[in-house]
Amino acid sequence: MEGFFGVINDGLVAIDDFIWGVPLMVLILFGGILLTVRLRAVQFRQLPRALRYMIKNETGGEGEVTSFGALCTALSATIGTGNIVGVATAIVAGGPGALFWMWLAALFGMATKFSEGLLAVKYRSIDKKTGHVLGGPFYYIERGMGKNWRWLAKIFAFFGMCVGLFGIGTFTQVNSISSAITGFFDPEKNVTVNILGMDYSIFTVIGSLLLALLVGLVVIGGLKRIAKVSERVIPAMVVLYVGFSLILIITNLDKVPTAFVTIFESAFGLQAAAGGMLGAIIVAMQKGIARGIFSNEAGLGSAPIAAAAAQTKEPVRQGLVSMTGTFLDTIVVCSMTGLALVMTGAYQIPGLEGAAVTTAAFQAGLPFIPGDVVSFVLMACLVLFGFTTILGWDYYGERCLEYFSNGSMKAVKVYRWLYIAAVFIGPYMTVAAVWTIADIFNGLMALPNMVALIALSGVVAKETKDYFARLKAAGDEEGMEPHLPGDNWDIPPIDPLEDRLGAAR
């Protein structure tokens, strides 16, 4: 029997290596480069505007949540344990150069995420009576590419539903949270409970019960409650982690230049022996690009499901908001982790992996803070990151199932309870193959989505050109919105420019 499961596991690993190998990375990078060219580097030219739009909600648009709420829902799924554990794994395996290739993937990925958000709003479906929104890759495949491609949309929805229920959304995150809690409060497992013949720390049991309860309270309330929780938790946890990281960087400012030199030298194999230079570059590229894509999800097609629910009249505007998610996830949060690892050299400590590497880096970089305090802060960040990822992927899975089942809300309600059950049993499961299965489904989501983005790149370019032409006609010739007396830049403000955009159509 063990031999049989070993063969199955080896087969899954082989499939995973193929899907997340060169072909998929090339496809996603090619799509990002193509969109960057066709959009004339919109992610660089319009980043300041995008950051303003991120906190400046639009009024009068149809949708279920604010554009900021939609962004936070998307960020709840993308900013997860991968930002702490994943970056460490990439740098340990691929060297500091992996961080450079992670940045590169993110810069092109911002154009991809912009296009996903734009298409999600353009082709979404809104029930006029209830205001219920359904949108994402399945709709822009069916409506943008034509009904003959509906089979491709169904495939995407099936894979997305599976990722939410069986992979990234539940078991993997729950195990990360459970391990973090148990590792901090009971690392030696001195207080255990026997469940079905297996001994588990009492903190694992308590943690699973509380987590399932909290997830249940949120997801049963649907998208609006998920978005409401995300709007509060996401900014808080990003500020906590980035603030903690900035303290490390500022107090070790003299090491920053050397860290950047190390990153760039490693990225191009300059630290390797002459004969291993090419191999070092390939490994750094593979680990950095794959982890970057996995972390910020640009091209996977998950974030546009949340973007479709935004209260907006302008697809391009939401595209700009959506692309800030990739910027925040990788350029900001992942960079903080990566710099901490490189500056302290923690990635070179033998025998450490995952979260332990990041913990060692922060303990070494912040010697004036007690080690237990550092460990607690990182544990709290891991728990919050994992919790919000669970919420985000529940929403993605529900919307995928809703499309796949032709709008059956009964199926969605059953899915919610199954999701809560998966969260509850997650800590007690053996997940040797779960990460692999989740990776496979995640990669398979990207294939139909990238086909659609490349096929619809002309639509994206046309919509973008039209939007900025109308923006210019409305008086925005300098790239800055004209302010009127009484403009409110808090959340949610009134946006007088958007009203003039409508008049310019």
Foldseek 3Di string as FASTA:
>chain_A
DVVVVVVVLVVLVVLLCVLLDDVLLCLLLVLLVVLCVLQVNCCVVQLVVLVLLLFEWEPDFFFDATLVLLLLLLLLQQQALCLQFVLLQLCLFQNLLLLVLLVVLLSSLLSLLLLQLLLFQVQWDADPVPSDIFGWLLRCQPPVVHVVRNVLSLLLLVLLLCLLQQFLQAQVLLQLLLCLQCCQPPVPLPAWDADPNDTDRPSSQVSLVVLLVVLLVQPVVPSVSLSVVSSPLVVVLLCLQLVLLVVLCVLLVVLQVVLVVRNVCQCQQVVPDPVCRVVSNVSSNSSNNSSSCSNLVRLLTQSSRSSNRHRDPASSSSSSNRSVSSCCRRVRSSVSQSSLCSSQVLSVDPPDHGNRSSLVSSCSSCVVDDSSVSSVSSSVSNNSSSSSSNSSSLNSSLSSVCVSVVRDVVVNVVSSVSSSVSNSCSNVDDCPCRNSSSSSSSSSSSVSSSVSSVVCSVVVSVSSVLQVVLLVVLPCVPSDHDDDPPFDSGPHTYDVSVVSSVVSD
